[in-house]
Amino acid sequence: WVKLSERNLNPNIPAKFGYGIILLGIGYLITRFGLYNHNEAYLVPLWIIIAIYFFHTVGELFISPIGLSMVTKLAPEKLSGTLMGAWFLSFSGSNFLGGQLAKLTNSSDAVVDGAANAESLTRYIDVYTSFGLIAVAAGLLVL
């Protein structure tokens, strides 16, 4: 961000959040490649996992430090500590929500063993593709 500031190209805080959310969404959308690149045991290649982690990590770097900086800069001095605590408390709420959303990938139907892997992969890909599309749309709205 420092190098971009020197060139007057540093995006504003909401744009950084938007870019971060879009990158997270792209990470989820990469799961779609697993539908076409799995082996006979329905395991996806390592490059898909690495790409997902890459986009999620870079997206997180666009959001977390920027949000922390935003709270520090914009909070009134007397409320700075309280609002910093609220920022970190929001992580616990989002982790809980993430756990609830991950339950959507659970298949409650009893299936034969051979079909279980295929169904599981398809369900994961469908759910995470939906998350990716929602995240990219939300990021574009923030921009």
N, C-alpha and C. Protein backbone atom coordinates (compact mmCIF):
# COMPACT_ATOMS: atom_id res chain seq x y z
N TRP A 1 0.82 -1.19 0.00
CA TRP A 1 0.00 0.00 0.00
C TRP A 1 0.86 1.26 0.00
N VAL A 2 2.02 1.16 0.60
CA VAL A 2 2.92 2.32 0.65
C VAL A 2 3.37 2.69 -0.76
N LYS A 3 3.77 1.70 -1.54
CA LYS A 3 4.21 1.97 -2.91
C LYS A 3 3.07 2.55 -3.76
N LEU A 4 1.86 2.05 -3.55
CA LEU A 4 0.72 2.61 -4.29
C LEU A 4 0.42 4.03 -3.85
N SER A 5 0.61 4.33 -2.56
CA SER A 5 0.38 5.69 -2.07
C SER A 5 1.37 6.67 -2.69
N GLU A 6 2.61 6.22 -2.87
CA GLU A 6 3.62 7.09 -3.47
C GLU A 6 3.24 7.48 -4.89
N ARG A 7 2.49 6.62 -5.58
CA ARG A 7 2.06 6.89 -6.96
C ARG A 7 0.63 7.42 -7.03
N ASN A 8 0.03 7.73 -5.89
CA ASN A 8 -1.37 8.17 -5.80
C ASN A 8 -2.33 7.15 -6.40
N LEU A 9 -2.04 5.86 -6.21
CA LEU A 9 -2.89 4.78 -6.72
C LEU A 9 -3.49 3.94 -5.59
N ASN A 10 -3.29 4.37 -4.35
CA ASN A 10 -3.77 3.61 -3.20
C ASN A 10 -5.30 3.67 -3.15
N PRO A 11 -5.99 2.52 -3.26
CA PRO A 11 -7.46 2.55 -3.20
C PRO A 11 -7.94 2.90 -1.80
N ASN A 12 -9.17 3.39 -1.73
CA ASN A 12 -9.73 3.74 -0.43
C ASN A 12 -10.08 2.46 0.34
N ILE A 13 -10.42 2.62 1.62
CA ILE A 13 -10.65 1.47 2.49
C ILE A 13 -11.79 0.59 1.99
N PRO A 14 -12.96 1.14 1.62
CA PRO A 14 -14.02 0.25 1.11
C PRO A 14 -13.60 -0.54 -0.13
N ALA A 15 -12.79 0.08 -1.01
CA ALA A 15 -12.33 -0.63 -2.20
C ALA A 15 -11.41 -1.79 -1.81
N LYS A 16 -10.56 -1.58 -0.82
CA LYS A 16 -9.69 -2.67 -0.35
C LYS A 16 -10.52 -3.82 0.19
N PHE A 17 -11.56 -3.49 0.95
CA PHE A 17 -12.47 -4.53 1.45
C PHE A 17 -13.14 -5.25 0.27
N GLY A 18 -13.58 -4.49 -0.71
CA GLY A 18 -14.22 -5.09 -1.88
C GLY A 18 -13.30 -6.04 -2.61
N TYR A 19 -12.04 -5.61 -2.81
CA TYR A 19 -11.07 -6.48 -3.48
C TYR A 19 -10.83 -7.75 -2.66
N GLY A 20 -10.74 -7.58 -1.35
CA GLY A 20 -10.52 -8.74 -0.48
C GLY A 20 -11.66 -9.73 -0.55
N ILE A 21 -12.89 -9.23 -0.55
CA ILE A 21 -14.06 -10.11 -0.63
C ILE A 21 -14.10 -10.81 -1.99
N ILE A 22 -13.76 -10.10 -3.04
CA ILE A 22 -13.72 -10.72 -4.38
C ILE A 22 -12.67 -11.83 -4.42
N LEU A 23 -11.50 -11.58 -3.83
CA LEU A 23 -10.46 -12.61 -3.81
C LEU A 23 -10.91 -13.84 -3.02
N LEU A 24 -11.60 -13.62 -1.91
CA LEU A 24 -12.15 -14.76 -1.15
C LEU A 24 -13.15 -15.53 -2.00
N GLY A 25 -13.99 -14.80 -2.71
CA GLY A 25 -14.97 -15.45 -3.59
C GLY A 25 -14.31 -16.25 -4.69
N ILE A 26 -13.23 -15.71 -5.26
CA ILE A 26 -12.50 -16.46 -6.30
C ILE A 26 -11.94 -17.75 -5.71
N GLY A 27 -11.45 -17.67 -4.47
CA GLY A 27 -10.96 -18.87 -3.81
C GLY A 27 -12.03 -19.94 -3.71
N TYR A 28 -13.25 -19.54 -3.37
CA TYR A 28 -14.34 -20.51 -3.31
C TYR A 28 -14.71 -21.02 -4.70
N LEU A 29 -14.67 -20.15 -5.69
CA LEU A 29 -15.04 -20.56 -7.05
C LEU A 29 -14.03 -21.55 -7.65
N ILE A 30 -12.81 -21.53 -7.15
CA ILE A 30 -11.81 -22.48 -7.64
C ILE A 30 -12.23 -23.92 -7.35
N THR A 31 -13.05 -24.11 -6.33
CA THR A 31 -13.52 -25.48 -6.04
C THR A 31 -14.23 -26.08 -7.23
N ARG A 32 -14.78 -25.25 -8.09
CA ARG A 32 -15.50 -25.73 -9.27
C ARG A 32 -14.59 -26.59 -10.16
N PHE A 33 -13.30 -26.27 -10.20
CA PHE A 33 -12.36 -27.06 -11.00
C PHE A 33 -12.28 -28.50 -10.50
N GLY A 34 -12.58 -28.72 -9.23
CA GLY A 34 -12.55 -30.07 -8.68
C GLY A 34 -13.59 -30.98 -9.30
N LEU A 35 -14.62 -30.40 -9.85
CA LEU A 35 -15.66 -31.20 -10.50
C LEU A 35 -15.13 -31.87 -11.76
N TYR A 36 -14.14 -31.25 -12.38
CA TYR A 36 -13.61 -31.75 -13.65
C TYR A 36 -12.22 -32.37 -13.51
N ASN A 37 -11.58 -32.19 -12.37
CA ASN A 37 -10.19 -32.64 -12.21
C ASN A 37 -9.99 -33.58 -11.03
N HIS A 38 -10.94 -34.42 -10.75
CA HIS A 38 -10.77 -35.36 -9.64
C HIS A 38 -10.32 -36.71 -10.17
N ASN A 39 -9.77 -37.52 -9.26
CA ASN A 39 -9.36 -38.87 -9.68
C ASN A 39 -10.52 -39.84 -9.43
N GLU A 40 -10.25 -41.13 -9.62
CA GLU A 40 -11.33 -42.12 -9.50
C GLU A 40 -11.84 -42.25 -8.06
N ALA A 41 -11.06 -41.79 -7.08
CA ALA A 41 -11.52 -41.79 -5.69
C ALA A 41 -12.20 -40.47 -5.33
N TYR A 42 -12.42 -39.61 -6.31
CA TYR A 42 -13.05 -38.30 -6.16
C TYR A 42 -12.24 -37.37 -5.26
N LEU A 43 -10.93 -37.50 -5.33
CA LEU A 43 -10.03 -36.58 -4.64
C LEU A 43 -9.54 -35.55 -5.65
N VAL A 44 -9.51 -34.29 -5.22
CA VAL A 44 -9.09 -33.22 -6.13
C VAL A 44 -7.57 -33.06 -6.07
N PRO A 45 -6.96 -32.53 -7.13
CA PRO A 45 -5.50 -32.35 -7.14
C PRO A 45 -5.05 -31.30 -6.13
N LEU A 46 -3.81 -31.42 -5.74
CA LEU A 46 -3.23 -30.51 -4.76
C LEU A 46 -3.24 -29.07 -5.23
N TRP A 47 -3.08 -28.82 -6.53
CA TRP A 47 -3.03 -27.44 -7.02
C TRP A 47 -4.33 -26.70 -6.73
N ILE A 48 -5.44 -27.40 -6.68
CA ILE A 48 -6.71 -26.74 -6.35
C ILE A 48 -6.69 -26.26 -4.91
N ILE A 49 -6.23 -27.10 -4.01
CA ILE A 49 -6.15 -26.72 -2.59
C ILE A 49 -5.18 -25.55 -2.41
N ILE A 50 -4.04 -25.60 -3.08
CA ILE A 50 -3.06 -24.52 -2.97
C ILE A 50 -3.65 -23.21 -3.52
N ALA A 51 -4.34 -23.28 -4.64
CA ALA A 51 -4.95 -22.07 -5.21
C ALA A 51 -6.01 -21.49 -4.28
N ILE A 52 -6.81 -22.36 -3.67
CA ILE A 52 -7.83 -21.89 -2.72
C ILE A 52 -7.15 -21.17 -1.56
N TYR A 53 -6.13 -21.80 -0.97
CA TYR A 53 -5.42 -21.17 0.14
C TYR A 53 -4.78 -19.86 -0.28
N PHE A 54 -4.21 -19.80 -1.47
CA PHE A 54 -3.58 -18.57 -1.94
C PHE A 54 -4.59 -17.43 -1.99
N PHE A 55 -5.73 -17.65 -2.66
CA PHE A 55 -6.71 -16.58 -2.80
C PHE A 55 -7.34 -16.21 -1.45
N HIS A 56 -7.56 -17.18 -0.59
CA HIS A 56 -8.12 -16.87 0.72
C HIS A 56 -7.12 -16.09 1.57
N THR A 57 -5.85 -16.45 1.50
CA THR A 57 -4.84 -15.74 2.28
C THR A 57 -4.67 -14.31 1.79
N VAL A 58 -4.58 -14.12 0.50
CA VAL A 58 -4.44 -12.76 -0.04
C VAL A 58 -5.70 -11.94 0.26
N GLY A 59 -6.87 -12.55 0.10
CA GLY A 59 -8.11 -11.85 0.43
C GLY A 59 -8.16 -11.46 1.90
N GLU A 60 -7.71 -12.37 2.76
CA GLU A 60 -7.67 -12.07 4.20
C GLU A 60 -6.71 -10.92 4.49
N LEU A 61 -5.60 -10.87 3.76
CA LEU A 61 -4.65 -9.77 3.95
C LEU A 61 -5.21 -8.44 3.48
N PHE A 62 -6.17 -8.47 2.58
CA PHE A 62 -6.84 -7.24 2.16
C PHE A 62 -7.84 -6.78 3.21
N ILE A 63 -8.37 -7.70 4.01
CA ILE A 63 -9.47 -7.37 4.91
C ILE A 63 -9.01 -7.15 6.34
N SER A 64 -8.32 -8.11 6.93
CA SER A 64 -8.04 -8.07 8.36
C SER A 64 -7.17 -6.89 8.79
N PRO A 65 -5.97 -6.70 8.23
CA PRO A 65 -5.17 -5.57 8.68
C PRO A 65 -5.79 -4.22 8.34
N ILE A 66 -6.48 -4.16 7.21
CA ILE A 66 -7.13 -2.91 6.82
C ILE A 66 -8.25 -2.58 7.79
N GLY A 67 -9.03 -3.59 8.17
CA GLY A 67 -10.11 -3.38 9.13
C GLY A 67 -9.59 -2.95 10.49
N LEU A 68 -8.51 -3.57 10.92
CA LEU A 68 -7.90 -3.21 12.20
C LEU A 68 -7.40 -1.77 12.15
N SER A 69 -6.78 -1.40 11.06
CA SER A 69 -6.31 -0.03 10.88
C SER A 69 -7.47 0.95 10.84
N MET A 70 -8.55 0.55 10.17
CA MET A 70 -9.72 1.41 10.08
C MET A 70 -10.32 1.67 11.46
N VAL A 71 -10.42 0.62 12.27
CA VAL A 71 -10.96 0.79 13.63
C VAL A 71 -10.08 1.75 14.41
N THR A 72 -8.78 1.59 14.31
CA THR A 72 -7.85 2.45 15.04
C THR A 72 -7.96 3.91 14.58
N LYS A 73 -8.07 4.13 13.28
CA LYS A 73 -8.12 5.49 12.75
C LYS A 73 -9.46 6.18 12.99
N LEU A 74 -10.55 5.45 12.83
CA LEU A 74 -11.87 6.07 12.84
C LEU A 74 -12.54 6.09 14.20
N ALA A 75 -12.07 5.28 15.14
CA ALA A 75 -12.73 5.21 16.44
C ALA A 75 -12.38 6.44 17.28
N PRO A 76 -13.36 6.96 18.02
CA PRO A 76 -13.03 8.02 18.97
C PRO A 76 -12.01 7.48 19.98
N GLU A 77 -11.13 8.36 20.45
CA GLU A 77 -10.03 7.92 21.30
C GLU A 77 -10.50 7.15 22.54
N LYS A 78 -11.59 7.60 23.15
CA LYS A 78 -12.07 6.95 24.37
C LYS A 78 -12.72 5.59 24.09
N LEU A 79 -13.16 5.36 22.87
CA LEU A 79 -13.80 4.09 22.52
C LEU A 79 -12.90 3.16 21.72
N SER A 80 -11.67 3.56 21.52
CA SER A 80 -10.78 2.79 20.66
C SER A 80 -10.62 1.35 21.14
N GLY A 81 -10.36 1.15 22.42
CA GLY A 81 -10.19 -0.20 22.96
C GLY A 81 -11.45 -1.03 22.85
N THR A 82 -12.59 -0.41 23.15
CA THR A 82 -13.86 -1.12 23.07
C THR A 82 -14.17 -1.54 21.64
N LEU A 83 -13.97 -0.64 20.71
CA LEU A 83 -14.25 -0.96 19.31
C LEU A 83 -13.25 -1.95 18.73
N MET A 84 -12.01 -1.92 19.24
CA MET A 84 -11.04 -2.94 18.83
C MET A 84 -11.51 -4.31 19.31
N GLY A 85 -12.02 -4.36 20.54
CA GLY A 85 -12.58 -5.61 21.06
C GLY A 85 -13.77 -6.07 20.24
N ALA A 86 -14.61 -5.13 19.82
CA ALA A 86 -15.77 -5.48 18.98
C ALA A 86 -15.31 -6.03 17.64
N TRP A 87 -14.24 -5.46 17.09
CA TRP A 87 -13.69 -5.97 15.82
C TRP A 87 -13.27 -7.43 15.97
N PHE A 88 -12.55 -7.73 17.06
CA PHE A 88 -12.10 -9.11 17.27
C PHE A 88 -13.27 -10.02 17.65
N LEU A 89 -14.26 -9.49 18.34
CA LEU A 89 -15.45 -10.28 18.67
C LEU A 89 -16.21 -10.66 17.41
N SER A 90 -16.16 -9.79 16.41
CA SER A 90 -16.84 -10.13 15.15
C SER A 90 -16.23 -11.37 14.50
N PHE A 91 -14.94 -11.63 14.77
CA PHE A 91 -14.32 -12.86 14.25
C PHE A 91 -14.97 -14.10 14.86
N SER A 92 -15.28 -14.04 16.16
CA SER A 92 -15.90 -15.21 16.77
C SER A 92 -17.29 -15.44 16.19
N GLY A 93 -18.02 -14.37 15.95
CA GLY A 93 -19.34 -14.51 15.33
C GLY A 93 -19.25 -15.06 13.92
N SER A 94 -18.25 -14.60 13.18
CA SER A 94 -18.12 -15.10 11.81
C SER A 94 -17.64 -16.55 11.79
N ASN A 95 -16.81 -16.94 12.76
CA ASN A 95 -16.40 -18.35 12.84
C ASN A 95 -17.59 -19.24 13.17
N PHE A 96 -18.46 -18.78 14.06
CA PHE A 96 -19.66 -19.55 14.38
C PHE A 96 -20.55 -19.68 13.13
N LEU A 97 -20.76 -18.56 12.45
CA LEU A 97 -21.57 -18.57 11.23
C LEU A 97 -20.95 -19.47 10.17
N GLY A 98 -19.63 -19.44 10.05
CA GLY A 98 -18.94 -20.31 9.10
C GLY A 98 -19.17 -21.78 9.41
N GLY A 99 -19.18 -22.12 10.69
CA GLY A 99 -19.47 -23.50 11.07
C GLY A 99 -20.88 -23.91 10.71
N GLN A 100 -21.82 -22.99 10.90
CA GLN A 100 -23.21 -23.29 10.54
C GLN A 100 -23.36 -23.45 9.03
N LEU A 101 -22.69 -22.60 8.28
CA LEU A 101 -22.76 -22.71 6.82
C LEU A 101 -22.08 -23.98 6.32
N ALA A 102 -21.02 -24.40 7.00
CA ALA A 102 -20.33 -25.63 6.59
C ALA A 102 -21.22 -26.84 6.75
N LYS A 103 -22.20 -26.76 7.63
CA LYS A 103 -23.14 -27.87 7.79
C LYS A 103 -23.95 -28.11 6.52
N LEU A 104 -24.02 -27.11 5.66
CA LEU A 104 -24.74 -27.29 4.40
C LEU A 104 -24.07 -28.32 3.50
N THR A 105 -22.79 -28.57 3.74
CA THR A 105 -22.08 -29.56 2.92
C THR A 105 -22.34 -30.98 3.38
N ASN A 106 -22.94 -31.14 4.54
CA ASN A 106 -23.20 -32.47 5.09
C ASN A 106 -24.39 -33.10 4.38
N SER A 107 -24.20 -34.30 3.91
CA SER A 107 -25.28 -35.03 3.26
C SER A 107 -25.94 -35.93 4.28
N SER A 108 -27.22 -35.73 4.51
CA SER A 108 -27.92 -36.53 5.50
C SER A 108 -28.52 -37.79 4.91
N ASP A 109 -28.51 -37.90 3.59
CA ASP A 109 -29.07 -39.08 2.94
C ASP A 109 -28.09 -40.25 3.04
N ALA A 110 -28.64 -41.43 3.29
CA ALA A 110 -27.81 -42.63 3.30
C ALA A 110 -27.59 -43.08 1.87
N VAL A 111 -26.35 -43.24 1.48
CA VAL A 111 -26.03 -43.67 0.12
C VAL A 111 -25.08 -44.86 0.19
N VAL A 112 -25.00 -45.58 -0.88
CA VAL A 112 -24.04 -46.68 -0.93
C VAL A 112 -22.64 -46.11 -0.95
N ASP A 113 -21.69 -46.89 -0.48
CA ASP A 113 -20.33 -46.40 -0.26
C ASP A 113 -19.68 -45.81 -1.50
N GLY A 114 -19.82 -46.42 -2.66
CA GLY A 114 -19.19 -45.92 -3.87
C GLY A 114 -19.73 -44.58 -4.31
N ALA A 115 -21.02 -44.35 -4.08
CA ALA A 115 -21.63 -43.09 -4.49
C ALA A 115 -21.41 -41.99 -3.47
N ALA A 116 -20.99 -42.36 -2.26
CA ALA A 116 -20.82 -41.36 -1.20
C ALA A 116 -19.77 -40.33 -1.58
N ASN A 117 -18.64 -40.76 -2.12
CA ASN A 117 -17.58 -39.82 -2.49
C ASN A 117 -18.02 -38.89 -3.60
N ALA A 118 -18.69 -39.41 -4.60
CA ALA A 118 -19.17 -38.58 -5.71
C ALA A 118 -20.18 -37.56 -5.22
N GLU A 119 -21.10 -38.02 -4.39
CA GLU A 119 -22.12 -37.11 -3.86
C GLU A 119 -21.50 -36.06 -2.96
N SER A 120 -20.55 -36.47 -2.13
CA SER A 120 -19.89 -35.55 -1.23
C SER A 120 -19.14 -34.47 -2.00
N LEU A 121 -18.38 -34.86 -3.02
CA LEU A 121 -17.64 -33.88 -3.82
C LEU A 121 -18.59 -32.91 -4.51
N THR A 122 -19.65 -33.43 -5.09
CA THR A 122 -20.62 -32.58 -5.78
C THR A 122 -21.27 -31.60 -4.80
N ARG A 123 -21.61 -32.09 -3.63
CA ARG A 123 -22.26 -31.22 -2.64
C ARG A 123 -21.31 -30.11 -2.18
N TYR A 124 -20.07 -30.48 -1.88
CA TYR A 124 -19.08 -29.47 -1.49
C TYR A 124 -18.92 -28.42 -2.58
N ILE A 125 -18.77 -28.86 -3.79
CA ILE A 125 -18.56 -27.93 -4.90
C ILE A 125 -19.77 -27.02 -5.09
N ASP A 126 -20.96 -27.57 -5.01
CA ASP A 126 -22.17 -26.75 -5.16
C ASP A 126 -22.28 -25.69 -4.07
N VAL A 127 -22.05 -26.10 -2.82
CA VAL A 127 -22.17 -25.16 -1.70
C VAL A 127 -21.11 -24.07 -1.80
N TYR A 128 -19.86 -24.46 -2.04
CA TYR A 128 -18.78 -23.47 -2.07
C TYR A 128 -18.81 -22.62 -3.33
N THR A 129 -19.36 -23.12 -4.40
CA THR A 129 -19.57 -22.28 -5.58
C THR A 129 -20.60 -21.20 -5.26
N SER A 130 -21.64 -21.57 -4.54
CA SER A 130 -22.64 -20.57 -4.12
C SER A 130 -22.00 -19.51 -3.24
N PHE A 131 -21.17 -19.95 -2.27
CA PHE A 131 -20.47 -18.99 -1.41
C PHE A 131 -19.60 -18.05 -2.25
N GLY A 132 -18.92 -18.61 -3.24
CA GLY A 132 -18.04 -17.81 -4.09
C GLY A 132 -18.80 -16.78 -4.89
N LEU A 133 -19.92 -17.19 -5.46
CA LEU A 133 -20.73 -16.24 -6.25
C LEU A 133 -21.28 -15.12 -5.37
N ILE A 134 -21.72 -15.48 -4.17
CA ILE A 134 -22.24 -14.47 -3.23
C ILE A 134 -21.12 -13.52 -2.83
N ALA A 135 -19.93 -14.05 -2.55
CA ALA A 135 -18.81 -13.20 -2.14
C ALA A 135 -18.37 -12.26 -3.25
N VAL A 136 -18.27 -12.77 -4.47
CA VAL A 136 -17.87 -11.91 -5.59
C VAL A 136 -18.92 -10.81 -5.81
N ALA A 137 -20.19 -11.16 -5.73
CA ALA A 137 -21.25 -10.16 -5.89
C ALA A 137 -21.18 -9.12 -4.78
N ALA A 138 -20.97 -9.57 -3.55
CA ALA A 138 -20.86 -8.63 -2.42
C ALA A 138 -19.65 -7.72 -2.60
N GLY A 139 -18.53 -8.28 -3.04
CA GLY A 139 -17.34 -7.48 -3.28
C GLY A 139 -17.55 -6.43 -4.35
N LEU A 140 -18.25 -6.81 -5.41
CA LEU A 140 -18.54 -5.84 -6.47
C LEU A 140 -19.47 -4.75 -5.97
N LEU A 141 -20.40 -5.09 -5.09
CA LEU A 141 -21.28 -4.07 -4.52
C LEU A 141 -20.51 -3.09 -3.65
N VAL A 142 -19.52 -3.60 -2.92
CA VAL A 142 -18.72 -2.73 -2.05
C VAL A 142 -17.86 -1.79 -2.89
N LEU A 143 -17.40 -2.27 -4.04
CA LEU A 143 -16.58 -1.41 -4.91
C LEU A 143 -17.44 -0.27 -5.43
